[in-house]
Amino acid sequence: MIQLVFKVKGADHVVLITDAMRAAGMPDGEYSLGGLPVIVSEGAARLKDGGALAGSTLQLAVAVKNISEVTGLPLKELVKSSSLSAANALGLQGIGKIEPGFAADIVLLDKEFNCKVTMVDGEVRYDAR
């Protein structure tokens, strides 16, 4: 189904999102969501009482990696779905692509899609190199 959506709509018209809670990227443990206690174990977030799913811990870089593996599309196409398409859908101007006149908000990933550098307004805010 994912392959079909990208084939029919194209990366320019698909927006990747995640419903990640604030425990995304954090180790297993106890967190909260809307005041409710949540247990994260092996990446799965479940309410402490009853065990119902409580959102997600999926980070957007992992979503891009997953879509890359499923579709085989080049990253230069997929990045549109994780940035430019979202900006366009929200009516935001001046963000979403690397081009003069656009905000220099960039995340550099390694081959395994791990975040190595984050830039906001052209300034390095995180560097794991």
Protein backbone atom coordinates (compact mmCIF):
# COMPACT_ATOMS: atom_id res chain seq x y z
CA MET A 1 0.00 0.00 0.00
CA ILE A 2 2.83 2.39 0.84
CA GLN A 3 4.47 1.74 -2.53
CA LEU A 4 1.15 2.42 -4.27
CA VAL A 5 0.61 5.72 -2.43
CA PHE A 6 4.07 6.99 -3.38
CA LYS A 7 3.64 5.79 -6.98
CA VAL A 8 0.22 7.42 -7.42
CA LYS A 9 0.72 10.63 -5.41
CA GLY A 10 4.50 11.12 -5.56
CA ALA A 11 6.70 12.23 -2.69
CA ASP A 12 5.67 15.86 -3.33
CA HIS A 13 2.14 15.02 -2.16
CA VAL A 14 2.81 12.64 0.73
CA VAL A 15 3.55 13.92 4.25
CA LEU A 16 5.33 11.66 6.72
CA ILE A 17 4.25 12.20 10.31
CA THR A 18 4.70 10.51 13.65
CA ASP A 19 2.56 10.58 16.77
CA ALA A 20 5.66 10.25 18.93
CA MET A 21 5.30 11.10 22.58
CA ARG A 22 8.06 12.79 24.55
CA ALA A 23 9.64 9.41 25.36
CA ALA A 24 10.77 9.11 21.73
CA GLY A 25 14.53 8.63 21.65
CA MET A 26 14.64 7.93 25.36
CA PRO A 27 15.53 4.65 27.07
CA ASP A 28 12.91 2.18 28.28
CA GLY A 29 11.23 3.37 31.44
CA GLU A 30 8.25 5.19 32.89
CA TYR A 31 6.99 8.41 31.32
CA SER A 32 3.71 10.29 31.18
CA LEU A 33 1.30 11.23 28.43
CA GLY A 34 -1.45 13.70 29.22
CA GLY A 35 -0.92 13.03 32.91
CA LEU A 36 -1.25 9.26 32.52
CA PRO A 37 1.66 7.00 33.46
CA VAL A 38 3.16 5.19 30.45
CA ILE A 39 5.68 2.37 30.36
CA VAL A 40 8.04 2.25 27.37
CA SER A 41 9.56 -1.16 26.75
CA GLU A 42 11.48 -2.10 23.60
CA GLY A 43 10.15 1.05 21.94
CA ALA A 44 6.48 0.29 22.63
CA ALA A 45 4.61 2.86 24.74
CA ARG A 46 1.73 1.43 26.77
CA LEU A 47 -0.42 2.83 29.54
CA LYS A 48 0.75 1.58 32.92
CA ASP A 49 -2.83 0.72 33.85
CA GLY A 50 -4.33 -1.71 31.35
CA GLY A 51 -1.49 -1.83 28.83
CA ALA A 52 -3.29 0.00 25.98
CA LEU A 53 -1.05 1.61 23.35
CA ALA A 54 -0.19 5.16 24.34
CA GLY A 55 1.11 6.83 21.21
CA SER A 56 4.40 6.04 19.61
CA THR A 57 8.12 6.46 20.05
CA LEU A 58 8.76 6.54 16.29
CA GLN A 59 11.18 9.28 15.34
CA LEU A 60 10.83 10.87 11.90
CA ALA A 61 14.30 9.74 10.78
CA VAL A 62 13.23 6.15 11.44
CA ALA A 63 10.02 6.76 9.49
CA VAL A 64 12.09 7.98 6.53
CA LYS A 65 14.33 4.90 6.85
CA ASN A 66 11.27 2.61 6.91
CA ILE A 67 9.76 4.27 3.83
CA SER A 68 13.13 4.10 2.06
CA GLU A 69 13.32 0.36 2.68
CA VAL A 70 9.70 -0.25 1.61
CA THR A 71 9.66 1.92 -1.53
CA GLY A 72 13.28 1.87 -2.69
CA LEU A 73 12.90 5.55 -3.57
CA PRO A 74 16.02 7.74 -3.47
CA LEU A 75 16.43 9.95 -0.42
CA LYS A 76 16.29 13.10 -2.55
CA GLU A 77 12.65 12.17 -3.21
CA LEU A 78 11.79 10.98 0.29
CA VAL A 79 13.10 14.12 1.96
CA LYS A 80 10.27 15.98 0.24
CA SER A 81 7.79 13.91 2.26
CA SER A 82 9.52 14.70 5.53
CA SER A 83 9.98 18.43 5.01
CA LEU A 84 8.76 20.30 1.93
CA SER A 85 5.41 18.51 1.61
CA ALA A 86 4.66 19.14 5.28
CA ALA A 87 5.58 22.83 4.98
CA ASN A 88 3.38 23.16 1.89
CA ALA A 89 0.47 21.36 3.55
CA LEU A 90 0.66 23.82 6.45
CA GLY A 91 1.03 26.83 4.17
CA LEU A 92 4.46 27.67 5.58
CA GLN A 93 6.80 29.71 3.42
CA GLY A 94 10.60 29.66 3.36
CA ILE A 95 11.15 26.23 4.91
CA GLY A 96 11.37 22.69 3.66
CA LYS A 97 14.18 22.75 1.13
CA ILE A 98 17.81 23.66 0.77
CA GLU A 99 17.76 26.72 -1.43
CA PRO A 100 18.68 30.42 -1.11
CA GLY A 101 16.00 32.30 0.79
CA PHE A 102 14.91 29.25 2.80
CA ALA A 103 15.62 28.75 6.50
CA ALA A 104 18.79 26.76 7.07
CA ASP A 105 17.20 24.15 9.34
CA ILE A 106 18.95 20.90 8.45
CA VAL A 107 19.43 17.48 9.98
CA LEU A 108 22.35 15.37 8.75
CA LEU A 109 21.91 11.62 9.05
CA ASP A 110 24.41 8.81 8.64
CA LYS A 111 23.81 5.75 6.43
CA GLU A 112 21.84 4.12 9.27
CA PHE A 113 19.66 7.25 9.59
CA ASN A 114 21.14 8.26 12.96
CA CYS A 115 21.18 12.00 13.57
CA LYS A 116 24.73 13.33 13.39
CA VAL A 117 24.22 17.10 13.09
CA THR A 118 21.26 19.42 13.62
CA MET A 119 21.34 23.00 12.36
CA VAL A 120 18.77 25.68 13.17
CA ASP A 121 18.97 28.93 11.21
CA GLY A 122 22.36 27.76 9.94
CA GLU A 123 23.82 27.31 13.43
CA VAL A 124 24.92 23.90 14.65
CA ARG A 125 22.80 23.02 17.71
CA TYR A 126 23.77 19.34 17.96
CA ASP A 127 26.90 17.57 16.71
CA ALA A 128 27.51 13.88 17.35
CA ARG A 129 30.38 13.50 14.88
